[in-house]
Amino acid sequence: MKTYTLPQTDLKVSSIILGMMRIANMSNGEIQQLVGSARDAGVTYIDHADIYGGAPHRCEARFGEAIFLTAAEREMLVIQSKVGIRKGFFDFSAEHILASVDQSLAALKTDYLDVLLLHRPDTLVEPEEVAAAFDTLTSAGKVRHFGVSNHTPGQVELLKTAVKQPLIVNQVQLSITHAPLIASGIAANMAGLDQSIDRDNGLLDYSRINGMMLQAWSPFQKGFFDGVFLGDSENFADLNGAIDELAKAYGVTPTGIAVAWIIRHPAKIQVVLGTTKPERVVEAAAGSSISMTREEWYRLFRAAGHTLP
């Protein structure tokens, strides 16, 4: 398992993150098997959000009910959650952040979160409110580090006008086929080419310059929840052919190659898995240590339909 040091911290973390979005209806035994397989494969990072599970804190509670961690085991895991999405609106008010974190801690049966992310950008955000909440959480020892999800550089800079703590993570959607984060920069200044449209205001370069860890959610999705591209020979025949060839050459599954493509980028991007199948976690972990050549990486990029000017 390839590991990174979380920016501006001394935390050594796995390049693979186990996402807990889909565990609401799993049994305790199934959750234990999933988490146990991930830990055996070297995964040390667990991702939650207060909205996962169809009811507030549902997946966090299932995790807390199924997984018992000793104090030593808890220190070896990085547990992350997110806050800010409510039914029909977004809410970065201090009152909501503080209340939701308390509920997350109770559901997870832990005294602290290693990382708290602001989920989707709240256009009504008042940075001073966020700063007040973060200061309270820090002084109480309830949250050790902070970040965001799906935020642009400008939105991050706005938060930093008041927030004192480093914002060290930005979780964004990224896969071989859904890669505007990367593809727009490759096609910069190409008039008339949709790929050249910068949809996130230079987030990739901003993150590398400012020491923010990017985390890729939906690493196997074709688009925005449009299904997976792996095995989709109707829409991505060339891509799957290239992936299968590389999987055979490296002795891994196509899942491993899809993971390796993201991790190959020097931005040191973590991959967030949403699977509930232990075997898929193992397959992904196997791909985390593959070092693709430039030629292989760009081959997959082109096979996915992106333009290389």
C-alpha atoms as a PDB file:
ATOM      1  CA  MET A   1       0.000   0.000   0.000  1.00  0.00           C
ATOM      2  CA  LYS A   2       1.433   3.353  -1.024  1.00  0.00           C
ATOM      3  CA  THR A   3       1.258   5.878   1.795  1.00  0.00           C
ATOM      4  CA  TYR A   4       1.424   9.660   2.030  1.00  0.00           C
ATOM      5  CA  THR A   5       1.959  12.172   4.787  1.00  0.00           C
ATOM      6  CA  LEU A   6      -1.181  14.245   5.164  1.00  0.00           C
ATOM      7  CA  PRO A   7      -0.133  17.826   4.304  1.00  0.00           C
ATOM      8  CA  GLN A   8       0.780  20.078   7.226  1.00  0.00           C
ATOM      9  CA  THR A   9       0.446  17.168   9.685  1.00  0.00           C
ATOM     10  CA  ASP A  10       2.563  14.261  10.895  1.00  0.00           C
ATOM     11  CA  LEU A  11      -0.127  11.745   9.925  1.00  0.00           C
ATOM     12  CA  LYS A  12       1.008   8.940   7.625  1.00  0.00           C
ATOM     13  CA  VAL A  13      -2.046   7.792   5.671  1.00  0.00           C
ATOM     14  CA  SER A  14      -2.915   5.157   3.096  1.00  0.00           C
ATOM     15  CA  SER A  15      -3.401   6.196  -0.518  1.00  0.00           C
ATOM     16  CA  ILE A  16      -6.691   4.276  -0.437  1.00  0.00           C
ATOM     17  CA  ILE A  17      -9.631   5.472   1.674  1.00  0.00           C
ATOM     18  CA  LEU A  18     -12.537   3.235   2.654  1.00  0.00           C
ATOM     19  CA  GLY A  19     -15.779   5.129   2.128  1.00  0.00           C
ATOM     20  CA  MET A  20     -18.739   4.290   4.369  1.00  0.00           C
ATOM     21  CA  MET A  21     -21.524   5.728   2.217  1.00  0.00           C
ATOM     22  CA  ARG A  22     -23.276   2.401   1.531  1.00  0.00           C
ATOM     23  CA  ILE A  23     -23.110   0.462   4.809  1.00  0.00           C
ATOM     24  CA  ALA A  24     -26.522   1.451   6.230  1.00  0.00           C
ATOM     25  CA  ASN A  25     -28.198  -1.884   5.465  1.00  0.00           C
ATOM     26  CA  MET A  26     -25.220  -4.150   6.075  1.00  0.00           C
ATOM     27  CA  SER A  27     -25.065  -6.453   9.082  1.00  0.00           C
ATOM     28  CA  ASN A  28     -22.499  -5.948  11.813  1.00  0.00           C
ATOM     29  CA  GLY A  29     -20.633  -8.989  10.534  1.00  0.00           C
ATOM     30  CA  GLU A  30     -20.537  -7.654   6.983  1.00  0.00           C
ATOM     31  CA  ILE A  31     -19.257  -4.266   8.150  1.00  0.00           C
ATOM     32  CA  GLN A  32     -16.625  -5.951  10.288  1.00  0.00           C
ATOM     33  CA  GLN A  33     -15.491  -8.068   7.340  1.00  0.00           C
ATOM     34  CA  LEU A  34     -15.313  -5.025   5.045  1.00  0.00           C
ATOM     35  CA  VAL A  35     -13.334  -2.905   7.495  1.00  0.00           C
ATOM     36  CA  GLY A  36     -11.150  -5.832   8.533  1.00  0.00           C
ATOM     37  CA  SER A  37     -10.250  -6.646   4.928  1.00  0.00           C
ATOM     38  CA  ALA A  38      -9.402  -3.005   4.302  1.00  0.00           C
ATOM     39  CA  ARG A  39      -7.179  -2.805   7.372  1.00  0.00           C
ATOM     40  CA  ASP A  40      -5.438  -6.060   6.398  1.00  0.00           C
ATOM     41  CA  ALA A  41      -4.768  -4.540   2.961  1.00  0.00           C
ATOM     42  CA  GLY A  42      -3.130  -1.488   4.547  1.00  0.00           C
ATOM     43  CA  VAL A  43      -6.053   0.951   4.475  1.00  0.00           C
ATOM     44  CA  THR A  44      -5.815   3.300   7.458  1.00  0.00           C
ATOM     45  CA  TYR A  45      -8.288   6.010   6.396  1.00  0.00           C
ATOM     46  CA  ILE A  46     -12.084   5.821   6.890  1.00  0.00           C
ATOM     47  CA  ASP A  47     -14.461   8.312   5.247  1.00  0.00           C
ATOM     48  CA  HIS A  48     -17.909   9.228   6.574  1.00  0.00           C
ATOM     49  CA  ALA A  49     -20.438  12.039   6.223  1.00  0.00           C
ATOM     50  CA  ASP A  50     -23.321  13.039   8.449  1.00  0.00           C
ATOM     51  CA  ILE A  51     -25.810  12.533   5.586  1.00  0.00           C
ATOM     52  CA  TYR A  52     -24.772   9.020   4.539  1.00  0.00           C
ATOM     53  CA  GLY A  53     -27.382   6.325   4.974  1.00  0.00           C
ATOM     54  CA  GLY A  54     -30.694   8.009   4.195  1.00  0.00           C
ATOM     55  CA  ALA A  55     -31.068   9.496   7.673  1.00  0.00           C
ATOM     56  CA  PRO A  56     -28.747  11.833   9.593  1.00  0.00           C
ATOM     57  CA  HIS A  57     -25.690   9.974  10.929  1.00  0.00           C
ATOM     58  CA  ARG A  58     -27.123   6.579   9.917  1.00  0.00           C
ATOM     59  CA  CYS A  59     -23.908   5.157   8.400  1.00  0.00           C
ATOM     60  CA  GLU A  60     -21.805   6.633  11.187  1.00  0.00           C
ATOM     61  CA  ALA A  61     -24.028   4.870  13.708  1.00  0.00           C
ATOM     62  CA  ARG A  62     -23.779   1.552  11.863  1.00  0.00           C
ATOM     63  CA  PHE A  63     -19.996   1.854  11.916  1.00  0.00           C
ATOM     64  CA  GLY A  64     -20.021   2.665  15.621  1.00  0.00           C
ATOM     65  CA  GLU A  65     -22.299  -0.294  16.360  1.00  0.00           C
ATOM     66  CA  ALA A  66     -20.241  -2.764  14.340  1.00  0.00           C
ATOM     67  CA  ILE A  67     -16.648  -1.702  14.918  1.00  0.00           C
ATOM     68  CA  PHE A  68     -15.100  -1.712  18.375  1.00  0.00           C
ATOM     69  CA  LEU A  69     -11.731   0.033  18.505  1.00  0.00           C
ATOM     70  CA  THR A  70      -9.351  -0.044  21.430  1.00  0.00           C
ATOM     71  CA  ALA A  71      -7.583   3.224  22.199  1.00  0.00           C
ATOM     72  CA  ALA A  72      -4.486   1.955  20.400  1.00  0.00           C
ATOM     73  CA  GLU A  73      -6.492   0.836  17.364  1.00  0.00           C
ATOM     74  CA  ARG A  74      -8.306   4.178  17.229  1.00  0.00           C
ATOM     75  CA  GLU A  75      -4.986   6.040  17.098  1.00  0.00           C
ATOM     76  CA  MET A  76      -3.911   3.893  14.143  1.00  0.00           C
ATOM     77  CA  LEU A  77      -6.979   4.861  12.081  1.00  0.00           C
ATOM     78  CA  VAL A  78      -7.769   8.210  10.499  1.00  0.00           C
ATOM     79  CA  ILE A  79     -11.515   8.802  10.724  1.00  0.00           C
ATOM     80  CA  GLN A  80     -12.943  11.596   8.615  1.00  0.00           C
ATOM     81  CA  SER A  81     -16.482  12.931   8.369  1.00  0.00           C
ATOM     82  CA  LYS A  82     -18.256  15.742   6.570  1.00  0.00           C
ATOM     83  CA  VAL A  83     -20.838  18.338   7.488  1.00  0.00           C
ATOM     84  CA  GLY A  84     -22.962  20.954   5.769  1.00  0.00           C
ATOM     85  CA  ILE A  85     -25.588  19.217   3.630  1.00  0.00           C
ATOM     86  CA  ARG A  86     -29.095  19.336   5.040  1.00  0.00           C
ATOM     87  CA  LYS A  87     -32.439  18.367   3.507  1.00  0.00           C
ATOM     88  CA  GLY A  88     -33.002  20.935   0.749  1.00  0.00           C
ATOM     89  CA  PHE A  89     -30.188  23.333   1.673  1.00  0.00           C
ATOM     90  CA  PHE A  90     -26.554  23.695   2.700  1.00  0.00           C
ATOM     91  CA  ASP A  91     -25.580  24.995   6.126  1.00  0.00           C
ATOM     92  CA  PHE A  92     -22.135  26.136   7.284  1.00  0.00           C
ATOM     93  CA  SER A  93     -23.458  27.983  10.314  1.00  0.00           C
ATOM     94  CA  ALA A  94     -21.478  27.534  13.517  1.00  0.00           C
ATOM     95  CA  GLU A  95     -24.566  26.187  15.262  1.00  0.00           C
ATOM     96  CA  HIS A  96     -25.073  23.420  12.705  1.00  0.00           C
ATOM     97  CA  ILE A  97     -21.393  22.478  12.414  1.00  0.00           C
ATOM     98  CA  LEU A  98     -21.031  22.107  16.183  1.00  0.00           C
ATOM     99  CA  ALA A  99     -24.271  20.177  16.636  1.00  0.00           C
ATOM    100  CA  SER A 100     -23.559  17.838  13.756  1.00  0.00           C
ATOM    101  CA  VAL A 101     -20.026  17.044  14.911  1.00  0.00           C
ATOM    102  CA  ASP A 102     -21.318  16.161  18.385  1.00  0.00           C
ATOM    103  CA  GLN A 103     -23.852  13.817  16.776  1.00  0.00           C
ATOM    104  CA  SER A 104     -21.157  12.285  14.557  1.00  0.00           C
ATOM    105  CA  LEU A 105     -18.917  11.591  17.543  1.00  0.00           C
ATOM    106  CA  ALA A 106     -21.774   9.973  19.442  1.00  0.00           C
ATOM    107  CA  ALA A 107     -22.742   7.828  16.446  1.00  0.00           C
ATOM    108  CA  LEU A 108     -19.166   6.751  15.725  1.00  0.00           C
ATOM    109  CA  LYS A 109     -18.474   6.101  19.430  1.00  0.00           C
ATOM    110  CA  THR A 110     -15.256   8.101  19.323  1.00  0.00           C
ATOM    111  CA  ASP A 111     -14.000  11.151  21.185  1.00  0.00           C
ATOM    112  CA  TYR A 112     -12.573  12.927  18.150  1.00  0.00           C
ATOM    113  CA  LEU A 113     -12.473  13.156  14.369  1.00  0.00           C
ATOM    114  CA  ASP A 114      -9.066  13.200  12.746  1.00  0.00           C
ATOM    115  CA  VAL A 115     -10.424  15.272   9.858  1.00  0.00           C
ATOM    116  CA  LEU A 116     -13.649  17.240   9.349  1.00  0.00           C
ATOM    117  CA  LEU A 117     -14.621  18.392   5.854  1.00  0.00           C
ATOM    118  CA  LEU A 118     -17.138  21.029   4.805  1.00  0.00           C
ATOM    119  CA  HIS A 119     -19.161  19.006   2.305  1.00  0.00           C
ATOM    120  CA  ARG A 120     -20.662  21.021  -0.593  1.00  0.00           C
ATOM    121  CA  PRO A 121     -20.010  24.783  -0.866  1.00  0.00           C
ATOM    122  CA  ASP A 122     -22.579  26.869   1.012  1.00  0.00           C
ATOM    123  CA  THR A 123     -22.928  30.104  -0.963  1.00  0.00           C
ATOM    124  CA  LEU A 124     -24.418  31.720   2.154  1.00  0.00           C
ATOM    125  CA  VAL A 125     -21.296  30.881   4.128  1.00  0.00           C
ATOM    126  CA  GLU A 126     -19.994  33.436   6.614  1.00  0.00           C
ATOM    127  CA  PRO A 127     -16.321  32.568   7.130  1.00  0.00           C
ATOM    128  CA  GLU A 128     -16.389  33.986  10.648  1.00  0.00           C
ATOM    129  CA  GLU A 129     -19.085  31.451  11.592  1.00  0.00           C
ATOM    130  CA  VAL A 130     -16.978  28.587  10.254  1.00  0.00           C
ATOM    131  CA  ALA A 131     -13.923  29.959  12.064  1.00  0.00           C
ATOM    132  CA  ALA A 132     -15.801  30.151  15.363  1.00  0.00           C
ATOM    133  CA  ALA A 133     -16.957  26.551  15.006  1.00  0.00           C
ATOM    134  CA  PHE A 134     -13.496  25.298  14.067  1.00  0.00           C
ATOM    135  CA  ASP A 135     -11.910  27.132  17.017  1.00  0.00           C
ATOM    136  CA  THR A 136     -14.419  25.577  19.410  1.00  0.00           C
ATOM    137  CA  LEU A 137     -13.873  22.089  17.984  1.00  0.00           C
ATOM    138  CA  THR A 138     -10.112  22.476  18.126  1.00  0.00           C
ATOM    139  CA  SER A 139      -9.997  23.739  21.698  1.00  0.00           C
ATOM    140  CA  ALA A 140     -12.350  20.956  22.830  1.00  0.00           C
ATOM    141  CA  GLY A 141     -10.195  18.313  21.136  1.00  0.00           C
ATOM    142  CA  LYS A 142     -13.145  17.097  19.068  1.00  0.00           C
ATOM    143  CA  VAL A 143     -11.519  17.659  15.642  1.00  0.00           C
ATOM    144  CA  ARG A 144      -7.804  17.561  14.900  1.00  0.00           C
ATOM    145  CA  HIS A 145      -7.679  18.718  11.266  1.00  0.00           C
ATOM    146  CA  PHE A 146      -9.981  20.404   8.754  1.00  0.00           C
ATOM    147  CA  GLY A 147     -10.664  20.509   5.050  1.00  0.00           C
ATOM    148  CA  VAL A 148     -13.352  20.852   2.414  1.00  0.00           C
ATOM    149  CA  SER A 149     -15.059  18.847  -0.311  1.00  0.00           C
ATOM    150  CA  ASN A 150     -16.022  19.978  -3.827  1.00  0.00           C
ATOM    151  CA  HIS A 151     -14.658  23.503  -3.273  1.00  0.00           C
ATOM    152  CA  THR A 152     -12.959  25.817  -5.775  1.00  0.00           C
ATOM    153  CA  PRO A 153      -9.741  27.676  -4.963  1.00  0.00           C
ATOM    154  CA  GLY A 154     -11.698  30.907  -4.498  1.00  0.00           C
ATOM    155  CA  GLN A 155     -14.071  29.279  -2.041  1.00  0.00           C
ATOM    156  CA  VAL A 156     -11.119  27.914  -0.084  1.00  0.00           C
ATOM    157  CA  GLU A 157      -9.461  31.342  -0.045  1.00  0.00           C
ATOM    158  CA  LEU A 158     -12.684  32.911   1.198  1.00  0.00           C
ATOM    159  CA  LEU A 159     -12.765  30.504   4.153  1.00  0.00           C
ATOM    160  CA  LYS A 160      -9.123  31.274   4.889  1.00  0.00           C
ATOM    161  CA  THR A 161      -9.926  34.956   5.440  1.00  0.00           C
ATOM    162  CA  ALA A 162     -11.246  33.907   8.863  1.00  0.00           C
ATOM    163  CA  VAL A 163     -10.318  30.270   9.516  1.00  0.00           C
ATOM    164  CA  LYS A 164      -6.994  29.923  11.357  1.00  0.00           C
ATOM    165  CA  GLN A 165      -6.552  26.163  11.010  1.00  0.00           C
ATOM    166  CA  PRO A 166      -4.932  24.843   7.809  1.00  0.00           C
ATOM    167  CA  LEU A 167      -7.406  23.447   5.292  1.00  0.00           C
ATOM    168  CA  ILE A 168      -5.522  20.332   4.297  1.00  0.00           C
ATOM    169  CA  VAL A 169      -7.971  18.243   2.220  1.00  0.00           C
ATOM    170  CA  ASN A 170     -10.318  18.789  -0.726  1.00  0.00           C
ATOM    171  CA  GLN A 171     -12.419  15.781  -1.770  1.00  0.00           C
ATOM    172  CA  VAL A 172     -13.553  15.968  -5.415  1.00  0.00           C
ATOM    173  CA  GLN A 173     -14.951  13.687  -8.098  1.00  0.00           C
ATOM    174  CA  LEU A 174     -12.298  12.077 -10.299  1.00  0.00           C
ATOM    175  CA  SER A 175     -11.973   8.987 -12.469  1.00  0.00           C
ATOM    176  CA  ILE A 176     -10.324   8.177 -15.799  1.00  0.00           C
ATOM    177  CA  THR A 177     -13.531   9.061 -17.617  1.00  0.00           C
ATOM    178  CA  HIS A 178     -14.624  11.940 -15.351  1.00  0.00           C
ATOM    179  CA  ALA A 179     -11.445  13.984 -15.215  1.00  0.00           C
ATOM    180  CA  PRO A 180     -12.068  17.701 -15.872  1.00  0.00           C
ATOM    181  CA  LEU A 181      -9.817  18.360 -12.877  1.00  0.00           C
ATOM    182  CA  ILE A 182      -6.906  17.120 -15.009  1.00  0.00           C
ATOM    183  CA  ALA A 183      -8.133  17.226 -18.599  1.00  0.00           C
ATOM    184  CA  SER A 184      -8.883  20.957 -18.816  1.00  0.00           C
ATOM    185  CA  GLY A 185      -5.306  21.868 -18.020  1.00  0.00           C
ATOM    186  CA  ILE A 186      -3.978  19.501 -20.665  1.00  0.00           C
ATOM    187  CA  ALA A 187      -6.165  21.203 -23.288  1.00  0.00           C
ATOM    188  CA  ALA A 188      -5.651  24.774 -22.057  1.00  0.00           C
ATOM    189  CA  ASN A 189      -6.130  27.588 -24.581  1.00  0.00           C
ATOM    190  CA  MET A 190      -7.859  25.359 -27.164  1.00  0.00           C
ATOM    191  CA  ALA A 191     -10.741  27.470 -28.501  1.00  0.00           C
ATOM    192  CA  GLY A 192     -13.856  25.504 -29.388  1.00  0.00           C
ATOM    193  CA  LEU A 193     -12.822  22.411 -27.405  1.00  0.00           C
ATOM    194  CA  ASP A 194     -15.143  21.611 -24.502  1.00  0.00           C
ATOM    195  CA  GLN A 195     -12.325  19.881 -22.633  1.00  0.00           C
ATOM    196  CA  SER A 196     -10.439  23.176 -22.369  1.00  0.00           C
ATOM    197  CA  ILE A 197     -13.182  24.721 -20.219  1.00  0.00           C
ATOM    198  CA  ASP A 198     -11.847  25.134 -16.695  1.00  0.00           C
ATOM    199  CA  ARG A 199     -14.675  23.932 -14.479  1.00  0.00           C
ATOM    200  CA  ASP A 200     -12.923  24.252 -11.113  1.00  0.00           C
ATOM    201  CA  ASN A 201     -10.709  27.345 -11.450  1.00  0.00           C
ATOM    202  CA  GLY A 202      -7.345  25.610 -11.546  1.00  0.00           C
ATOM    203  CA  LEU A 203      -8.000  23.456  -8.487  1.00  0.00           C
ATOM    204  CA  LEU A 204      -5.370  20.834  -9.316  1.00  0.00           C
ATOM    205  CA  ASP A 205      -2.488  23.301  -9.499  1.00  0.00           C
ATOM    206  CA  TYR A 206      -3.852  25.317  -6.571  1.00  0.00           C
ATOM    207  CA  SER A 207      -3.916  22.211  -4.377  1.00  0.00           C
ATOM    208  CA  ARG A 208      -0.346  21.263  -5.259  1.00  0.00           C
ATOM    209  CA  ILE A 209       0.923  24.798  -4.645  1.00  0.00           C
ATOM    210  CA  ASN A 210      -0.911  25.235  -1.341  1.00  0.00           C
ATOM    211  CA  GLY A 211      -0.380  21.820   0.230  1.00  0.00           C
ATOM    212  CA  MET A 212      -3.919  20.423   0.031  1.00  0.00           C
ATOM    213  CA  MET A 213      -4.486  16.690  -0.305  1.00  0.00           C
ATOM    214  CA  LEU A 214      -6.963  15.851  -3.053  1.00  0.00           C
ATOM    215  CA  GLN A 215      -9.231  12.863  -2.491  1.00  0.00           C
ATOM    216  CA  ALA A 216     -10.971  11.285  -5.500  1.00  0.00           C
ATOM    217  CA  TRP A 217     -14.545  10.156  -4.950  1.00  0.00           C
ATOM    218  CA  SER A 218     -16.387   7.933  -7.488  1.00  0.00           C
ATOM    219  CA  PRO A 219     -13.100   6.673  -8.973  1.00  0.00           C
ATOM    220  CA  PHE A 220     -14.897   4.157 -11.228  1.00  0.00           C
ATOM    221  CA  GLN A 221     -17.866   6.291 -12.332  1.00  0.00           C
ATOM    222  CA  LYS A 222     -18.408   7.209 -15.999  1.00  0.00           C
ATOM    223  CA  GLY A 223     -19.853  10.590 -15.112  1.00  0.00           C
ATOM    224  CA  PHE A 224     -21.988  12.018 -12.342  1.00  0.00           C
ATOM    225  CA  PHE A 225     -23.477   8.749 -10.999  1.00  0.00           C
ATOM    226  CA  ASP A 226     -23.915   7.380 -14.531  1.00  0.00           C
ATOM    227  CA  GLY A 227     -22.606   3.914 -13.702  1.00  0.00           C
ATOM    228  CA  VAL A 228     -19.129   2.430 -13.825  1.00  0.00           C
ATOM    229  CA  PHE A 229     -16.891   2.420 -16.897  1.00  0.00           C
ATOM    230  CA  LEU A 230     -15.131  -0.822 -15.957  1.00  0.00           C
ATOM    231  CA  GLY A 231     -16.573  -3.596 -18.125  1.00  0.00           C
ATOM    232  CA  ASP A 232     -18.633  -1.142 -20.201  1.00  0.00           C
ATOM    233  CA  SER A 233     -17.521  -2.349 -23.623  1.00  0.00           C
ATOM    234  CA  GLU A 234     -20.416  -0.594 -25.353  1.00  0.00           C
ATOM    235  CA  ASN A 235     -19.358   2.944 -24.409  1.00  0.00           C
ATOM    236  CA  PHE A 236     -15.694   2.454 -23.482  1.00  0.00           C
ATOM    237  CA  ALA A 237     -14.416  -0.446 -25.566  1.00  0.00           C
ATOM    238  CA  ASP A 238     -10.979   1.076 -26.239  1.00  0.00           C
ATOM    239  CA  LEU A 239     -10.507   2.050 -22.609  1.00  0.00           C
ATOM    240  CA  ASN A 240     -11.478  -1.349 -21.245  1.00  0.00           C
ATOM    241  CA  GLY A 241      -9.260  -3.044 -23.790  1.00  0.00           C
ATOM    242  CA  ALA A 242      -6.292  -0.951 -22.668  1.00  0.00           C
ATOM    243  CA  ILE A 243      -7.131  -1.484 -18.982  1.00  0.00           C
ATOM    244  CA  ASP A 244      -7.403  -5.254 -19.454  1.00  0.00           C
ATOM    245  CA  GLU A 245      -4.041  -5.331 -21.220  1.00  0.00           C
ATOM    246  CA  LEU A 246      -2.337  -3.375 -18.438  1.00  0.00           C
ATOM    247  CA  ALA A 247      -4.067  -5.438 -15.746  1.00  0.00           C
ATOM    248  CA  LYS A 248      -2.619  -8.594 -17.269  1.00  0.00           C
ATOM    249  CA  ALA A 249       0.844  -7.030 -17.568  1.00  0.00           C
ATOM    250  CA  TYR A 250       0.872  -5.856 -13.930  1.00  0.00           C
ATOM    251  CA  GLY A 251      -0.849  -8.915 -12.487  1.00  0.00           C
ATOM    252  CA  VAL A 252      -3.824  -7.025 -11.052  1.00  0.00           C
ATOM    253  CA  THR A 253      -7.506  -6.612 -11.869  1.00  0.00           C
ATOM    254  CA  PRO A 254      -9.012  -3.755 -13.918  1.00  0.00           C
ATOM    255  CA  THR A 255     -10.032  -2.179 -10.593  1.00  0.00           C
ATOM    256  CA  GLY A 256      -6.366  -2.004  -9.653  1.00  0.00           C
ATOM    257  CA  ILE A 257      -5.475  -0.276 -12.921  1.00  0.00           C
ATOM    258  CA  ALA A 258      -8.248   2.322 -12.491  1.00  0.00           C
ATOM    259  CA  VAL A 259      -6.848   3.085  -9.039  1.00  0.00           C
ATOM    260  CA  ALA A 260      -3.257   3.150 -10.280  1.00  0.00           C
ATOM    261  CA  TRP A 261      -4.143   5.740 -12.934  1.00  0.00           C
ATOM    262  CA  ILE A 262      -5.283   8.213 -10.269  1.00  0.00           C
ATOM    263  CA  ILE A 263      -2.446   7.491  -7.850  1.00  0.00           C
ATOM    264  CA  ARG A 264       0.179   7.844 -10.599  1.00  0.00           C
ATOM    265  CA  HIS A 265      -0.445  11.599 -10.677  1.00  0.00           C
ATOM    266  CA  PRO A 266       2.290  13.465  -8.736  1.00  0.00           C
ATOM    267  CA  ALA A 267      -0.373  15.487  -6.893  1.00  0.00           C
ATOM    268  CA  LYS A 268      -0.551  12.449  -4.542  1.00  0.00           C
ATOM    269  CA  ILE A 269      -4.303  11.984  -4.829  1.00  0.00           C
ATOM    270  CA  GLN A 270      -6.030   9.575  -2.449  1.00  0.00           C
ATOM    271  CA  VAL A 271      -8.703   7.246  -3.853  1.00  0.00           C
ATOM    272  CA  VAL A 272     -12.005   6.968  -1.975  1.00  0.00           C
ATOM    273  CA  LEU A 273     -13.669   3.574  -2.431  1.00  0.00           C
ATOM    274  CA  GLY A 274     -17.426   3.279  -2.121  1.00  0.00           C
ATOM    275  CA  THR A 275     -17.586  -0.497  -2.452  1.00  0.00           C
ATOM    276  CA  THR A 276     -19.121  -2.807   0.136  1.00  0.00           C
ATOM    277  CA  LYS A 277     -17.244  -5.833  -1.217  1.00  0.00           C
ATOM    278  CA  PRO A 278     -14.044  -6.805   0.617  1.00  0.00           C
ATOM    279  CA  GLU A 279     -12.562  -8.335  -2.538  1.00  0.00           C
ATOM    280  CA  ARG A 280     -12.871  -5.023  -4.376  1.00  0.00           C
ATOM    281  CA  VAL A 281     -10.973  -3.288  -1.587  1.00  0.00           C
ATOM    282  CA  VAL A 282      -8.181  -5.843  -1.932  1.00  0.00           C
ATOM    283  CA  GLU A 283      -8.127  -5.358  -5.717  1.00  0.00           C
ATOM    284  CA  ALA A 284      -7.912  -1.589  -5.316  1.00  0.00           C
ATOM    285  CA  ALA A 285      -5.142  -1.883  -2.753  1.00  0.00           C
ATOM    286  CA  ALA A 286      -3.142  -4.021  -5.170  1.00  0.00           C
ATOM    287  CA  GLY A 287      -3.215  -1.174  -7.689  1.00  0.00           C
ATOM    288  CA  SER A 288      -2.068   1.464  -5.235  1.00  0.00           C
ATOM    289  CA  SER A 289       1.618   0.566  -5.512  1.00  0.00           C
ATOM    290  CA  ILE A 290       1.770   0.331  -9.318  1.00  0.00           C
ATOM    291  CA  SER A 291       3.921   2.998 -10.948  1.00  0.00           C
ATOM    292  CA  MET A 292       2.573   3.475 -14.449  1.00  0.00           C
ATOM    293  CA  THR A 293       4.840   4.855 -17.120  1.00  0.00           C
ATOM    294  CA  ARG A 294       3.929   8.182 -18.684  1.00  0.00           C
ATOM    295  CA  GLU A 295       3.105   6.350 -21.911  1.00  0.00           C
ATOM    296  CA  GLU A 296       0.695   4.017 -20.118  1.00  0.00           C
ATOM    297  CA  TRP A 297      -0.980   6.841 -18.199  1.00  0.00           C
ATOM    298  CA  TYR A 298      -1.553   8.917 -21.327  1.00  0.00           C
ATOM    299  CA  ARG A 299      -2.718   5.859 -23.249  1.00  0.00           C
ATOM    300  CA  LEU A 300      -5.581   5.418 -20.780  1.00  0.00           C
ATOM    301  CA  PHE A 301      -6.281   9.151 -20.840  1.00  0.00           C
ATOM    302  CA  ARG A 302      -6.704   9.084 -24.630  1.00  0.00           C
ATOM    303  CA  ALA A 303      -8.612   5.798 -24.602  1.00  0.00           C
ATOM    304  CA  ALA A 304     -11.141   7.371 -22.224  1.00  0.00           C
ATOM    305  CA  GLY A 305     -11.970   9.910 -24.933  1.00  0.00           C
ATOM    306  CA  HIS A 306      -9.940  12.861 -23.736  1.00  0.00           C
ATOM    307  CA  THR A 307      -8.045  14.965 -26.242  1.00  0.00           C
ATOM    308  CA  LEU A 308      -4.280  15.199 -26.249  1.00  0.00           C
ATOM    309  CA  PRO A 309      -3.698  18.341 -28.373  1.00  0.00           C
END
